[in-house]
Amino acid sequence: MYVYVLQSDLDKKFYTGITQDLMKRTEEHNSGISKATKTRVPFKLVYYEFCLNHKDAMKRERYLKTTWGKRYINNRIANYLQETEKCT
């Protein structure tokens, strides 16, 4: 199972989820199939982790959605975020 973080090109906000097929799920988000994200397309995959089972992935997803988890993600992709700010 993958825990993933997407960033919307439209509003620059993150979306965190879990899936077994990372590329397929990213395509579903970008094609508007996912109701939760269809108004914020397109998305870029900016971070992912692999978990050995669904229960661990769900626990990690819940953590990444907390304030501390969001700080963790921002620290992990800090260089990427700085580069994208320079391009805009």
Protein backbone atom coordinates (compact mmCIF):
# COMPACT_ATOMS: atom_id res chain seq x y z
CA MET A 1 0.00 0.00 0.00
CA TYR A 2 1.16 3.50 -0.83
CA VAL A 3 0.49 6.65 1.14
CA TYR A 4 0.73 9.57 -1.26
CA VAL A 5 0.59 13.35 -1.33
CA LEU A 6 -0.56 15.25 -4.40
CA GLN A 7 -0.29 18.99 -4.92
CA SER A 8 -2.89 20.84 -6.94
CA ASP A 9 -1.47 23.09 -9.64
CA LEU A 10 -4.63 25.18 -9.30
CA ASP A 11 -4.56 26.12 -5.61
CA LYS A 12 -1.18 24.65 -4.51
CA LYS A 13 -2.88 22.72 -1.68
CA PHE A 14 -2.09 19.11 -0.83
CA TYR A 15 -4.25 16.00 -0.96
CA THR A 16 -3.21 12.89 0.99
CA GLY A 17 -4.51 9.40 0.31
CA ILE A 18 -3.71 5.68 0.17
CA THR A 19 -3.77 3.24 -2.74
CA GLN A 20 -2.38 -0.03 -4.04
CA ASP A 21 -1.68 1.37 -7.51
CA LEU A 22 -0.02 4.77 -7.24
CA MET A 23 0.12 5.68 -10.94
CA LYS A 24 -3.46 4.59 -11.62
CA ARG A 25 -4.76 6.55 -8.64
CA THR A 26 -2.86 9.68 -9.67
CA GLU A 27 -4.39 9.39 -13.15
CA GLU A 28 -7.86 9.00 -11.59
CA HIS A 29 -7.37 12.22 -9.62
CA ASN A 30 -6.18 14.09 -12.72
CA SER A 31 -9.03 12.82 -14.89
CA GLY A 32 -11.66 14.04 -12.42
CA ILE A 33 -12.90 10.58 -11.40
CA SER A 34 -12.26 11.30 -7.72
CA LYS A 35 -15.08 13.45 -6.32
CA ALA A 36 -12.84 14.81 -3.55
CA THR A 37 -10.40 16.40 -6.00
CA LYS A 38 -12.15 16.89 -9.31
CA THR A 39 -12.45 20.68 -8.88
CA ARG A 40 -8.72 21.09 -8.17
CA VAL A 41 -7.06 19.32 -11.14
CA PRO A 42 -4.35 18.98 -12.34
CA PHE A 43 -2.23 17.39 -9.61
CA LYS A 44 1.43 16.50 -9.25
CA LEU A 45 2.61 13.59 -7.16
CA VAL A 46 5.01 15.25 -4.70
CA TYR A 47 5.55 12.54 -2.07
CA TYR A 48 4.84 8.88 -1.38
CA GLU A 49 5.71 6.11 1.06
CA PHE A 50 5.23 2.36 0.85
CA CYS A 51 3.61 0.42 3.71
CA LEU A 52 3.51 -3.36 3.97
CA ASN A 53 -0.17 -3.53 4.91
CA HIS A 54 -3.39 -1.55 4.74
CA LYS A 55 -3.65 -0.92 8.50
CA ASP A 56 -0.21 0.70 8.66
CA ALA A 57 -0.97 2.78 5.56
CA MET A 58 -4.22 4.05 7.08
CA LYS A 59 -2.41 4.98 10.31
CA ARG A 60 0.28 6.84 8.36
CA GLU A 61 -2.31 8.65 6.22
CA ARG A 62 -4.14 9.83 9.35
CA TYR A 63 -0.85 11.12 10.78
CA LEU A 64 0.09 12.99 7.58
CA LYS A 65 -3.26 14.78 7.68
CA THR A 66 -2.52 16.21 11.15
CA THR A 67 -0.72 19.49 11.76
CA TRP A 68 2.46 17.59 12.66
CA GLY A 69 2.14 15.42 9.57
CA LYS A 70 1.71 18.44 7.32
CA ARG A 71 4.84 19.96 8.84
CA TYR A 72 6.68 16.70 8.19
CA ILE A 73 5.67 16.74 4.51
CA ASN A 74 6.64 20.41 4.12
CA ASN A 75 10.07 19.63 5.60
CA ARG A 76 10.54 16.52 3.42
CA ILE A 77 9.79 18.41 0.20
CA ALA A 78 11.15 21.82 1.21
CA ASN A 79 13.62 22.00 -1.69
CA TYR A 80 10.91 21.09 -4.20
CA LEU A 81 8.60 23.78 -2.78
CA GLN A 82 11.36 26.41 -2.98
CA GLU A 83 12.09 25.51 -6.60
CA THR A 84 8.44 25.74 -7.61
CA GLU A 85 8.11 29.16 -5.96
CA LYS A 86 11.03 30.43 -8.06
CA CYS A 87 9.31 29.26 -11.25
CA THR A 88 6.09 31.15 -10.58
